[in-house]
Amino acid sequence: MDTRRTPRSASGSRGLHRRTRNRAETAVGLLATAALLVSACSSGSATTSAASAAQEAALVALPKATPAALSSYYGQKPAWRGCGAGFECATLKAPLDYAEPSAGDVRLALTRKKATGPGKRLGSLLVNPGGPGGSAIGYVQTYAGIGYPAEVRARYDMVAVDPRGVARSEPVKCLDGPGMDTYTRTDITPDDAKETGGLVAAYRTFAEGCGADAPRLLRHVSTVEAARDMDIVRAALGDKKLNFVGASYGTFLGATYAGLFPERAGRLVLDGAMDPSLPARRLNLEQTAGFETAFRSFAKDCVRQTDCPLGGKGTSPERVGANLKAFFEKLDTRPLPTGDADRRRLTESLATTGVIAAMYDEGAWEQLREALTSAMKENDGAGLLVLSDGYYERDADGAYSNLMFANAAVNCLDLPAAFDTPEQVRRALPDFEKASPVFGEGLAWASLNCAYWPVRATGEPHRIEAKGAAPIVVVGTTRDPATPYRWAQALAGQLSSARLLTYEGDGHTAYGRGSSCIDRTINAYLVRGTPPTAGKRCS
């Protein structure tokens, strides 16, 4: 939810682990992940009433005893096999439908790297990079299992499970490569009825593809079901409690686990937190404002550099934004060549995605300046296309990962659609454009995608209190684009045992991103069980 969070894709980062994690975390995708951008226009009684209801509704914990119908799932023992670089892999089964366990199974893929020592083993540490739709297995095998602090890896088995519908766990697929190429180029700032119809048709085609691929699974990829799967994994690993680090959407997954199984929640780190009490419209609107906050930081930095194509020293962020918006509008009618082997040109939508991708990590700002310079001064859109492709996880052969498909599948099931009709979007445009003059229009239209989803949402906004859980660390970054800092404050205020840890800085999430203060604090919690002091802030 991201982050329900990323334009039609995922995100960028400083360093391999951040690229891998952030790409998987966001939910703001301009088309496919628009659901993650759940936003709420301040004008709209339905949104207001939904938000009010969420203040009353709280996630109810499940009974402590394991139901007899689930005993066979809880009794599984993974058959681990080597899968390279010191990792082991296995599969487990979970019921497709927890309300009817006899209706069939879902196959879950796992990986682990055993604790390296020295020191007493503390159990398993599950990690999830977010999305929804990010591969936890890919994240552990390319970063967390080898790049997490040595003191953490020494004491924990590093473990990941791809959630149902994601990557190696029965992945949902909606479109083939050429179909996704067409989809990602769709105009997301329609100027007239014809262009609006084209956007609606793109959403319908995407949704129909998902429905045709996995008609049964699509009804059972909710966050609640994924959290229940994690309890089966916990039992299979032989752990009495679940230790977990979740980023972006992973915070929603981890908080949901704590809400369902508070007595089994061990040491939980929720980094780049989401607020589960918000309806989709409000989430999207607040995320839009978060991207504007991140862009203004980029703009201030850009004009201090000698190669900023959006303005010189002293140019205001407002003017930088207006210059970028004018560039986007130019692309709307005159896409740029890119030299792409598939002859794709840089459209307004692809350029916007490329810029948003760079907002996830200030380490990508230099790359963004270079890409914008090439596009604006040399009519070469290749650099922005690279950023956009990274966001969508499109490889050089034109194939896409399952990230965007799973992102929409989970988002559209977890919350009712932000908008039901194009007319509702048009009425909300002033709110979105106020939240972000640069990105507001596109992100408002991106929020329409769940309106055409083939499966009715099963979730609603709600609070998560997790009464009885051990201390939970909630981490918020003050200028986070995809999960605004206010969300971390909100989640910490809901969870009965939360400790809020604040990172004063830019980018999406905080752990492992360069702040020794953040890393020391989280490592102390994971290894020694010492939560941060109240009001702890790092920079």
Protein backbone atom coordinates (compact mmCIF):
# COMPACT_ATOMS: atom_id res chain seq x y z
CA MET A 1 0.00 0.00 0.00
CA ASP A 2 4.61 1.40 -1.05
CA THR A 3 3.41 2.28 0.36
CA ARG A 4 -0.05 1.93 -1.12
CA ARG A 5 1.71 3.00 -2.27
CA THR A 6 4.10 4.29 -6.37
CA PRO A 7 3.31 5.49 -9.91
CA ARG A 8 2.48 2.46 -11.89
CA SER A 9 5.47 0.77 -10.40
CA ALA A 10 7.92 0.56 -7.63
CA SER A 11 10.85 2.80 -6.68
CA GLY A 12 14.49 3.71 -6.54
CA SER A 13 17.23 3.73 -3.90
CA ARG A 14 20.78 4.43 -2.91
CA GLY A 15 22.56 1.10 -3.13
CA LEU A 16 21.38 -2.29 -4.29
CA HIS A 17 19.26 -3.03 -1.25
CA ARG A 18 17.40 0.24 -1.55
CA ARG A 19 16.77 -0.23 -5.22
CA THR A 20 15.45 -3.71 -4.58
CA ARG A 21 13.42 -2.81 -1.53
CA ASN A 22 12.02 0.52 -2.59
CA ARG A 23 11.06 -0.69 -6.02
CA ALA A 24 8.95 -3.22 -4.25
CA GLU A 25 7.56 -0.91 -1.67
CA THR A 26 5.56 1.71 -3.31
CA ALA A 27 2.03 1.87 -4.32
CA VAL A 28 1.77 5.02 -6.25
CA GLY A 29 2.08 3.54 -9.69
CA LEU A 30 0.39 5.82 -12.13
CA LEU A 31 -1.75 3.05 -13.54
CA ALA A 32 -1.20 -0.36 -12.09
CA THR A 33 -0.59 0.73 -8.56
CA ALA A 34 -3.03 3.52 -8.43
CA ALA A 35 -4.91 1.68 -5.77
CA LEU A 36 -2.06 2.22 -3.44
CA LEU A 37 -2.48 5.87 -3.85
CA VAL A 38 -5.62 5.87 -1.97
CA SER A 39 -6.67 9.38 -1.45
CA ALA A 40 -9.38 11.28 0.05
CA CYS A 41 -10.63 14.57 -1.11
CA SER A 42 -11.59 16.74 1.79
CA SER A 43 -14.87 17.38 0.08
CA GLY A 44 -16.88 14.16 -0.04
CA SER A 45 -19.19 12.86 2.63
CA ALA A 46 -18.48 9.23 1.76
CA THR A 47 -14.81 9.71 2.46
CA THR A 48 -15.49 11.58 5.69
CA SER A 49 -17.88 8.94 6.97
CA ALA A 50 -15.49 6.13 6.05
CA ALA A 51 -12.66 7.82 7.90
CA SER A 52 -14.89 8.35 10.93
CA ALA A 53 -15.99 4.72 10.91
CA ALA A 54 -12.36 3.59 10.81
CA GLN A 55 -11.71 5.47 14.04
CA GLU A 56 -14.24 3.17 15.68
CA ALA A 57 -13.44 -0.10 13.90
CA ALA A 58 -10.38 -1.99 15.07
CA LEU A 59 -8.85 -5.22 13.81
CA VAL A 60 -10.01 -8.05 16.08
CA ALA A 61 -7.46 -10.59 17.30
CA LEU A 62 -8.01 -14.22 16.32
CA PRO A 63 -8.50 -16.92 18.98
CA LYS A 64 -5.24 -18.10 20.53
CA ALA A 65 -5.98 -21.76 19.84
CA THR A 66 -5.33 -23.05 16.33
CA PRO A 67 -8.60 -24.22 14.72
CA ALA A 68 -8.71 -27.96 14.08
CA ALA A 69 -9.37 -27.31 10.38
CA LEU A 70 -5.96 -25.63 10.14
CA SER A 71 -3.93 -28.13 12.16
CA SER A 72 -2.46 -29.84 9.10
CA TYR A 73 -1.15 -26.51 7.83
CA TYR A 74 0.37 -25.61 11.18
CA GLY A 75 2.01 -29.03 11.42
CA GLN A 76 4.05 -28.70 8.23
CA LYS A 77 7.83 -29.07 8.24
CA PRO A 78 9.69 -27.36 5.38
CA ALA A 79 11.83 -29.64 3.21
CA TRP A 80 14.78 -27.28 2.81
CA ARG A 81 17.08 -27.62 -0.19
CA GLY A 82 20.11 -25.62 -1.20
CA CYS A 83 19.36 -22.89 -3.74
CA GLY A 84 22.72 -21.14 -4.10
CA ALA A 85 24.95 -18.67 -2.27
CA GLY A 86 24.31 -20.29 1.10
CA PHE A 87 20.53 -19.94 0.88
CA GLU A 88 17.98 -22.69 1.33
CA CYS A 89 14.55 -22.79 -0.28
CA ALA A 90 11.32 -24.61 0.51
CA THR A 91 7.58 -24.46 -0.05
CA LEU A 92 4.62 -24.59 2.31
CA LYS A 93 0.88 -24.73 1.80
CA ALA A 94 -1.78 -22.39 3.12
CA PRO A 95 -5.54 -22.58 2.64
CA LEU A 96 -6.80 -20.58 -0.32
CA ASP A 97 -9.77 -19.51 1.80
CA TYR A 98 -9.37 -19.47 5.58
CA ALA A 99 -13.15 -19.52 5.95
CA GLU A 100 -13.26 -22.77 3.99
CA PRO A 101 -9.89 -24.55 4.36
CA SER A 102 -11.06 -27.58 2.40
CA ALA A 103 -11.56 -25.46 -0.74
CA GLY A 104 -7.95 -25.78 -1.89
CA ASP A 105 -4.43 -24.60 -1.17
CA VAL A 106 -2.02 -21.80 -2.04
CA ARG A 107 1.64 -22.67 -2.48
CA LEU A 108 4.02 -20.34 -0.60
CA ALA A 109 7.70 -20.09 -1.51
CA LEU A 110 10.28 -19.48 1.23
CA THR A 111 13.99 -18.91 1.52
CA ARG A 112 16.36 -18.63 4.45
CA LYS A 113 20.00 -18.13 5.32
CA LYS A 114 20.95 -19.57 8.67
CA ALA A 115 22.41 -17.46 11.46
CA THR A 116 26.14 -17.12 11.04
CA GLY A 117 27.08 -16.73 14.73
CA PRO A 118 28.71 -16.04 17.05
CA GLY A 119 26.15 -15.70 19.81
CA LYS A 120 22.98 -17.51 20.74
CA ARG A 121 20.52 -17.88 17.88
CA LEU A 122 17.44 -15.68 18.41
CA GLY A 123 15.18 -17.48 15.94
CA SER A 124 14.02 -16.42 12.51
CA LEU A 125 13.76 -12.85 11.23
CA LEU A 126 11.21 -12.51 8.44
CA VAL A 127 11.58 -9.51 6.17
CA ASN A 128 9.23 -7.98 3.62
CA PRO A 129 10.24 -5.14 1.25
CA GLY A 130 6.71 -3.87 0.64
CA GLY A 131 4.81 -3.16 -2.55
CA PRO A 132 2.46 -4.78 -2.20
CA GLY A 133 3.96 -7.07 -4.80
CA GLY A 134 7.63 -6.88 -3.92
CA SER A 135 9.43 -10.22 -3.78
CA ALA A 136 10.62 -10.84 -0.23
CA ILE A 137 12.71 -13.76 -1.50
CA GLY A 138 14.44 -11.54 -4.04
CA TYR A 139 15.06 -8.94 -1.35
CA VAL A 140 16.61 -11.39 1.10
CA GLN A 141 18.75 -13.13 -1.50
CA THR A 142 20.07 -9.93 -3.07
CA TYR A 143 20.37 -7.76 0.01
CA ALA A 144 19.00 -8.55 3.47
CA GLY A 145 20.51 -12.02 3.75
CA ILE A 146 23.98 -10.72 2.94
CA GLY A 147 23.76 -6.98 3.60
CA TYR A 148 21.88 -6.58 6.88
CA PRO A 149 24.15 -5.65 9.81
CA ALA A 150 26.45 -8.53 10.72
CA GLU A 151 25.27 -8.54 14.34
CA VAL A 152 21.69 -9.16 13.16
CA ARG A 153 22.63 -11.89 10.69
CA ALA A 154 24.79 -13.53 13.32
CA ARG A 155 21.84 -14.10 15.64
CA TYR A 156 18.90 -14.66 13.29
CA ASP A 157 18.09 -16.98 10.43
CA MET A 158 17.19 -14.49 7.68
CA VAL A 159 13.89 -15.68 6.21
CA ALA A 160 11.50 -14.48 3.53
CA VAL A 161 8.22 -15.73 2.14
CA ASP A 162 6.72 -14.28 -1.01
CA PRO A 163 3.11 -13.42 -0.12
CA ARG A 164 0.35 -15.23 -1.99
CA GLY A 165 0.02 -13.93 -5.55
CA VAL A 166 3.55 -12.48 -5.52
CA ALA A 167 6.69 -13.56 -7.39
CA ARG A 168 7.28 -17.24 -6.58
CA SER A 169 4.07 -17.82 -4.61
CA GLU A 170 1.53 -18.42 -7.38
CA PRO A 171 2.05 -15.02 -9.02
CA VAL A 172 -0.86 -13.15 -10.53
CA LYS A 173 -0.29 -12.05 -14.12
CA CYS A 174 -2.42 -9.53 -15.98
CA LEU A 175 -0.69 -8.55 -19.25
CA ASP A 176 2.21 -9.75 -21.35
CA GLY A 177 5.22 -7.55 -22.10
CA PRO A 178 3.81 -5.75 -25.15
CA GLY A 179 0.52 -5.28 -23.32
CA MET A 180 2.30 -3.69 -20.36
CA ASP A 181 4.30 -1.46 -22.71
CA THR A 182 1.02 -0.14 -24.08
CA TYR A 183 -0.46 0.18 -20.62
CA THR A 184 2.45 2.14 -19.14
CA ARG A 185 2.33 4.61 -22.04
CA THR A 186 -1.37 5.35 -21.54
CA ASP A 187 -2.12 9.05 -21.07
CA ILE A 188 -2.91 9.57 -17.39
CA THR A 189 -3.85 13.25 -17.74
CA PRO A 190 -6.81 13.01 -20.13
CA ASP A 191 -7.81 16.30 -21.75
CA ASP A 192 -11.13 15.28 -23.30
CA ALA A 193 -13.74 12.55 -23.46
CA LYS A 194 -11.75 10.50 -26.00
CA GLU A 195 -8.63 10.43 -23.85
CA THR A 196 -10.69 9.69 -20.75
CA GLY A 197 -12.23 6.77 -22.58
CA GLY A 198 -8.78 5.52 -23.52
CA LEU A 199 -7.66 5.58 -19.91
CA VAL A 200 -10.78 3.76 -18.74
CA ALA A 201 -10.25 1.16 -21.47
CA ALA A 202 -6.67 0.62 -20.27
CA TYR A 203 -7.85 0.03 -16.71
CA ARG A 204 -10.51 -2.37 -17.92
CA THR A 205 -8.04 -4.33 -20.06
CA PHE A 206 -5.61 -4.60 -17.16
CA ALA A 207 -8.31 -5.75 -14.74
CA GLU A 208 -9.78 -8.25 -17.19
CA GLY A 209 -6.34 -9.74 -17.74
CA CYS A 210 -5.88 -10.25 -14.00
CA GLY A 211 -9.33 -11.79 -13.68
CA ALA A 212 -8.74 -14.19 -16.54
CA ASP A 213 -5.37 -15.31 -15.16
CA ALA A 214 -6.34 -16.08 -11.57
CA PRO A 215 -10.11 -15.89 -11.03
CA ARG A 216 -10.05 -17.81 -7.72
CA LEU A 217 -6.78 -16.56 -6.28
CA LEU A 218 -7.72 -12.94 -7.01
CA ARG A 219 -10.38 -13.19 -4.29
CA HIS A 220 -7.84 -14.31 -1.70
CA VAL A 221 -4.74 -12.13 -1.85
CA SER A 222 -5.69 -9.73 0.93
CA THR A 223 -3.25 -8.48 3.54
CA VAL A 224 -5.20 -10.26 6.29
CA GLU A 225 -4.77 -13.58 4.47
CA ALA A 226 -1.07 -12.91 3.86
CA ALA A 227 -0.64 -12.14 7.57
CA ARG A 228 -2.34 -15.40 8.50
CA ASP A 229 0.01 -17.19 6.11
CA MET A 230 2.93 -15.71 8.05
CA ASP A 231 1.67 -17.40 11.20
CA ILE A 232 1.74 -20.75 9.43
CA VAL A 233 5.32 -19.95 8.36
CA ARG A 234 6.21 -19.02 11.95
CA ALA A 235 4.94 -22.36 13.19
CA ALA A 236 6.73 -24.28 10.44
CA LEU A 237 9.99 -22.56 11.39
CA GLY A 238 9.54 -23.66 15.00
CA ASP A 239 9.38 -20.11 16.41
CA LYS A 240 7.08 -19.27 19.31
CA LYS A 241 6.94 -15.65 18.20
CA LEU A 242 7.32 -13.87 14.87
CA ASN A 243 10.24 -11.48 14.50
CA PHE A 244 9.76 -9.23 11.49
CA VAL A 245 11.14 -6.22 9.62
CA GLY A 246 8.68 -4.72 7.14
CA ALA A 247 9.19 -1.69 4.92
CA SER A 248 6.44 0.48 3.43
CA TYR A 249 3.50 -1.84 2.67
CA GLY A 250 5.38 -4.38 4.76
CA THR A 251 4.47 -2.24 7.77
CA PHE A 252 0.79 -2.81 7.06
CA LEU A 253 1.46 -6.53 6.75
CA GLY A 254 3.42 -6.60 10.00
CA ALA A 255 0.91 -4.47 11.90
CA THR A 256 -1.90 -6.70 10.65
CA TYR A 257 -0.05 -9.74 11.96
CA ALA A 258 0.33 -8.07 15.35
CA GLY A 259 -3.36 -7.19 15.37
CA LEU A 260 -4.42 -10.76 14.58
CA PHE A 261 -1.85 -12.52 16.78
CA PRO A 262 -0.71 -10.04 19.46
CA GLU A 263 0.64 -12.73 21.80
CA ARG A 264 2.78 -14.17 18.99
CA ALA A 265 4.25 -10.83 17.90
CA GLY A 266 7.94 -10.76 18.79
CA ARG A 267 10.33 -7.99 17.75
CA LEU A 268 8.61 -6.07 14.95
CA VAL A 269 10.16 -3.17 13.04
CA LEU A 270 7.71 -1.26 10.82
CA ASP A 271 9.76 1.13 8.66
CA GLY A 272 8.01 3.69 6.43
CA ALA A 273 4.69 3.09 8.10
CA MET A 274 1.22 3.13 6.61
CA ASP A 275 -1.96 4.26 8.36
CA PRO A 276 -4.56 1.46 8.07
CA SER A 277 -7.39 3.69 9.27
CA LEU A 278 -7.51 5.79 6.09
CA PRO A 279 -9.85 5.12 3.15
CA ALA A 280 -8.32 4.82 -0.30
CA ARG A 281 -9.06 8.35 -1.43
CA ARG A 282 -7.46 9.88 1.62
CA LEU A 283 -4.42 7.63 1.38
CA ASN A 284 -3.89 8.63 -2.23
CA LEU A 285 -4.30 12.31 -1.52
CA GLU A 286 -1.87 12.26 1.38
CA GLN A 287 0.63 10.27 -0.64
CA THR A 288 0.32 12.84 -3.42
CA ALA A 289 1.25 15.52 -0.90
CA GLY A 290 4.16 13.32 0.20
CA PHE A 291 5.57 13.26 -3.32
CA GLU A 292 5.25 17.03 -3.48
CA THR A 293 7.25 17.33 -0.25
CA ALA A 294 9.95 15.10 -1.69
CA PHE A 295 9.96 17.00 -4.98
CA ARG A 296 10.43 20.33 -3.23
CA SER A 297 13.50 18.88 -1.50
CA PHE A 298 14.79 17.73 -4.86
CA ALA A 299 14.04 21.13 -6.39
CA LYS A 300 15.98 22.98 -3.70
CA ASP A 301 18.93 20.68 -4.20
CA CYS A 302 18.71 20.78 -7.99
CA VAL A 303 19.04 24.56 -8.33
CA ARG A 304 22.18 24.48 -6.19
CA GLN A 305 23.85 22.27 -8.81
CA THR A 306 25.43 23.56 -12.01
CA ASP A 307 23.63 21.00 -14.19
CA CYS A 308 20.01 21.56 -13.09
CA PRO A 309 17.83 21.87 -16.23
CA LEU A 310 14.82 23.15 -14.27
CA GLY A 311 16.24 26.44 -13.00
CA GLY A 312 19.32 28.25 -11.76
CA LYS A 313 20.52 29.21 -8.32
CA GLY A 314 17.76 30.89 -6.34
CA THR A 315 14.89 29.55 -8.46
CA SER A 316 11.95 28.78 -6.20
CA PRO A 317 10.58 25.22 -5.85
CA GLU A 318 7.30 26.52 -7.28
CA ARG A 319 9.03 27.69 -10.45
CA VAL A 320 11.03 24.45 -10.70
CA GLY A 321 7.76 22.55 -10.46
CA ALA A 322 6.11 24.74 -13.09
CA ASN A 323 9.05 24.15 -15.45
CA LEU A 324 8.79 20.39 -14.98
CA LYS A 325 5.04 20.46 -15.47
CA ALA A 326 5.50 22.40 -18.71
CA PHE A 327 7.96 19.73 -19.88
CA PHE A 328 5.43 17.00 -19.11
CA GLU A 329 2.74 18.87 -21.05
CA LYS A 330 5.06 19.16 -24.03
CA LEU A 331 5.58 15.40 -23.99
CA ASP A 332 1.82 14.92 -24.00
CA THR A 333 1.76 15.96 -27.66
CA ARG A 334 5.38 15.32 -28.70
CA PRO A 335 6.95 12.21 -27.12
CA LEU A 336 10.72 11.99 -27.34
CA PRO A 337 12.85 9.32 -29.03
CA THR A 338 14.73 7.02 -26.67
CA GLY A 339 16.74 4.68 -28.88
CA ASP A 340 14.81 1.81 -27.34
CA ALA A 341 15.03 -1.52 -29.17
CA ASP A 342 11.23 -1.78 -29.09
CA ARG A 343 10.90 1.75 -30.49
CA ARG A 344 9.22 3.09 -27.40
CA ARG A 345 9.14 6.86 -27.13
CA LEU A 346 9.15 8.85 -23.91
CA THR A 347 5.56 9.84 -23.23
CA GLU A 348 4.25 12.12 -20.51
CA SER A 349 3.22 9.12 -18.41
CA LEU A 350 6.61 7.37 -18.69
CA ALA A 351 8.48 10.58 -17.90
CA THR A 352 6.31 11.22 -14.86
CA THR A 353 6.93 7.70 -13.62
CA GLY A 354 10.67 8.16 -14.09
CA VAL A 355 10.68 11.36 -12.04
CA ILE A 356 8.56 9.84 -9.28
CA ALA A 357 10.85 6.80 -9.14
CA ALA A 358 13.77 9.11 -8.29
CA MET A 359 11.83 10.69 -5.44
CA TYR A 360 12.15 7.51 -3.39
CA ASP A 361 15.86 8.02 -2.82
CA GLU A 362 17.88 11.21 -2.75
CA GLY A 363 20.79 9.12 -4.04
CA ALA A 364 18.99 9.05 -7.40
CA TRP A 365 18.73 12.83 -7.73
CA GLU A 366 21.94 13.16 -9.73
CA GLN A 367 20.73 10.50 -12.15
CA LEU A 368 17.43 12.35 -12.47
CA ARG A 369 19.15 15.66 -13.24
CA GLU A 370 21.18 13.98 -15.97
CA ALA A 371 18.09 12.29 -17.42
CA LEU A 372 16.11 15.54 -17.41
CA THR A 373 18.98 17.42 -19.00
CA SER A 374 19.19 14.88 -21.82
CA ALA A 375 15.45 14.99 -22.36
CA MET A 376 14.90 18.75 -22.07
CA LYS A 377 18.04 19.99 -23.84
CA GLU A 378 19.01 17.15 -26.16
CA ASN A 379 15.61 15.60 -26.99
CA ASP A 380 16.83 12.24 -25.72
CA GLY A 381 14.36 10.43 -23.47
CA ALA A 382 16.54 7.38 -22.78
CA GLY A 383 17.52 8.35 -19.22
CA LEU A 384 13.97 8.90 -18.01
CA LEU A 385 12.88 5.69 -19.71
CA VAL A 386 15.54 3.81 -17.73
CA LEU A 387 14.16 5.23 -14.49
CA SER A 388 10.62 4.34 -15.49
CA ASP A 389 11.59 0.80 -16.51
CA GLY A 390 13.32 0.29 -13.19
CA TYR A 391 10.21 1.41 -11.42
CA TYR A 392 8.08 -1.07 -13.33
CA GLU A 393 10.67 -3.82 -13.11
CA ARG A 394 10.84 -4.19 -16.88
CA ASP A 395 13.93 -6.04 -18.11
CA ALA A 396 15.94 -5.51 -21.27
CA ASP A 397 13.97 -8.21 -23.08
CA GLY A 398 10.68 -6.39 -22.50
CA ALA A 399 9.40 -8.72 -19.79
CA TYR A 400 7.86 -7.33 -16.60
CA SER A 401 7.97 -8.81 -13.12
CA ASN A 402 4.71 -9.56 -11.37
CA LEU A 403 5.11 -6.49 -9.10
CA MET A 404 2.50 -4.27 -10.74
CA PHE A 405 -0.02 -7.08 -11.09
CA ALA A 406 0.20 -8.14 -7.46
CA ASN A 407 0.21 -4.51 -6.37
CA ALA A 408 -3.17 -3.85 -7.91
CA ALA A 409 -4.57 -7.24 -6.85
CA VAL A 410 -3.81 -6.63 -3.16
CA ASN A 411 -4.72 -2.95 -3.11
CA CYS A 412 -8.04 -3.40 -4.85
CA LEU A 413 -9.00 -6.18 -2.44
CA ASP A 414 -7.86 -4.43 0.74
CA LEU A 415 -9.88 -1.23 0.31
CA PRO A 416 -12.92 -0.08 -1.67
CA ALA A 417 -11.98 1.93 -4.76
CA ALA A 418 -10.94 5.54 -4.27
CA PHE A 419 -13.18 6.60 -7.17
CA ASP A 420 -15.96 4.85 -9.04
CA THR A 421 -16.23 7.09 -12.11
CA PRO A 422 -14.17 9.58 -14.14
CA GLU A 423 -16.61 12.28 -13.03
CA GLN A 424 -15.61 11.73 -9.42
CA VAL A 425 -11.96 12.12 -10.36
CA ARG A 426 -12.61 15.38 -12.16
CA ARG A 427 -14.40 16.78 -9.11
CA ALA A 428 -11.43 15.80 -6.95
CA LEU A 429 -8.75 17.27 -9.25
CA PRO A 430 -8.52 20.62 -7.41
CA ASP A 431 -7.68 18.83 -4.17
CA PHE A 432 -5.02 16.69 -5.79
CA GLU A 433 -3.51 19.58 -7.72
CA LYS A 434 -3.38 21.61 -4.53
CA ALA A 435 -1.58 18.72 -2.83
CA SER A 436 0.90 18.57 -5.71
CA PRO A 437 0.86 21.00 -8.64
CA VAL A 438 3.36 18.74 -10.44
CA PHE A 439 1.99 15.24 -9.84
CA GLY A 440 -1.56 15.81 -8.58
CA GLU A 441 -3.46 15.44 -11.83
CA GLY A 442 -1.78 12.20 -12.84
CA LEU A 443 -2.02 10.66 -9.40
CA ALA A 444 -5.71 11.53 -9.14
CA TRP A 445 -6.44 9.68 -12.38
CA ALA A 446 -4.21 6.81 -11.23
CA SER A 447 -6.57 6.38 -8.30
CA LEU A 448 -9.36 5.28 -10.64
CA ASN A 449 -7.95 1.86 -11.50
CA CYS A 450 -9.74 -0.19 -8.82
CA ALA A 451 -13.11 1.02 -10.09
CA TYR A 452 -12.94 -1.65 -12.81
CA TRP A 453 -11.49 -4.48 -10.74
CA PRO A 454 -13.22 -7.84 -11.32
CA VAL A 455 -13.34 -8.66 -7.60
CA ARG A 456 -15.16 -6.70 -4.92
CA ALA A 457 -13.01 -5.38 -2.08
CA THR A 458 -13.18 -7.43 1.12
CA GLY A 459 -11.33 -4.98 3.39
CA GLU A 460 -12.26 -1.68 4.98
CA PRO A 461 -10.29 1.07 6.75
CA HIS A 462 -9.64 0.15 10.38
CA ARG A 463 -7.43 0.82 13.36
CA ILE A 464 -4.84 -1.71 14.51
CA GLU A 465 -4.25 -1.74 18.26
CA ALA A 466 -2.61 -5.15 18.86
CA LYS A 467 -3.34 -5.04 22.60
CA GLY A 468 -1.03 -7.36 24.49
CA ALA A 469 1.79 -7.27 21.92
CA ALA A 470 5.40 -6.75 22.96
CA PRO A 471 6.97 -3.34 22.10
CA ILE A 472 6.77 -2.61 18.36
CA VAL A 473 9.12 -0.11 16.69
CA VAL A 474 7.44 2.18 14.13
CA VAL A 475 9.84 4.19 11.97
CA GLY A 476 8.90 7.37 10.10
CA THR A 477 10.97 9.60 7.79
CA THR A 478 10.01 13.28 7.87
CA ARG A 479 10.21 13.82 4.09
CA ASP A 480 9.24 10.35 2.92
CA PRO A 481 7.46 10.64 -0.46
CA ALA A 482 5.48 7.38 -0.47
CA THR A 483 4.57 6.93 3.19
CA PRO A 484 4.21 10.42 4.69
CA TYR A 485 5.57 10.91 8.20
CA ARG A 486 2.07 11.53 9.53
CA TRP A 487 1.23 7.92 8.77
CA ALA A 488 3.98 6.69 11.08
CA GLN A 489 2.67 8.97 13.80
CA ALA A 490 -0.84 7.65 13.22
CA LEU A 491 0.14 3.97 13.31
CA ALA A 492 2.27 4.50 16.41
CA GLY A 493 -0.74 6.16 18.02
CA GLN A 494 -2.95 3.16 17.25
CA LEU A 495 -0.64 0.32 18.28
CA SER A 496 -0.88 -0.10 22.03
CA SER A 497 2.83 -0.95 22.49
CA ALA A 498 4.42 1.15 19.74
CA ARG A 499 7.59 3.20 20.03
CA LEU A 500 7.94 5.84 17.32
CA LEU A 501 11.45 6.30 15.91
CA THR A 502 11.84 9.39 13.70
CA TYR A 503 14.38 9.95 10.93
CA GLU A 504 14.72 13.60 9.96
CA GLY A 505 15.63 13.30 6.32
CA ASP A 506 14.69 12.52 2.73
CA GLY A 507 13.82 9.32 0.93
CA HIS A 508 11.60 6.32 1.52
CA THR A 509 12.21 4.36 4.76
CA ALA A 510 15.21 4.74 7.08
CA TYR A 511 16.82 1.46 8.16
CA GLY A 512 20.00 0.67 6.24
CA ARG A 513 19.99 3.99 4.40
CA GLY A 514 23.01 5.66 5.93
CA SER A 515 21.90 6.91 9.35
CA SER A 516 24.11 5.28 11.98
CA CYS A 517 21.68 6.51 14.65
CA ILE A 518 18.73 4.70 13.04
CA ASP A 519 20.75 1.54 12.43
CA ARG A 520 22.17 1.39 15.95
CA THR A 521 18.74 1.90 17.47
CA ILE A 522 17.06 -0.80 15.40
CA ASN A 523 19.96 -3.23 15.81
CA ALA A 524 19.76 -2.83 19.59
CA TYR A 525 16.07 -3.64 19.48
CA LEU A 526 16.45 -6.68 17.22
CA VAL A 527 19.48 -8.15 18.98
CA ARG A 528 18.98 -7.13 22.61
CA GLY A 529 15.26 -6.43 22.70
CA THR A 530 15.79 -2.82 23.74
CA PRO A 531 13.19 -0.54 22.10
CA PRO A 532 14.02 3.13 21.48
CA THR A 533 13.23 5.70 24.11
CA ALA A 534 10.03 7.68 23.67
CA GLY A 535 10.41 10.47 21.13
CA LYS A 536 13.75 9.19 19.77
CA ARG A 537 14.84 11.18 16.69
CA CYS A 538 17.77 10.63 14.33
CA SER A 539 19.21 12.51 11.36
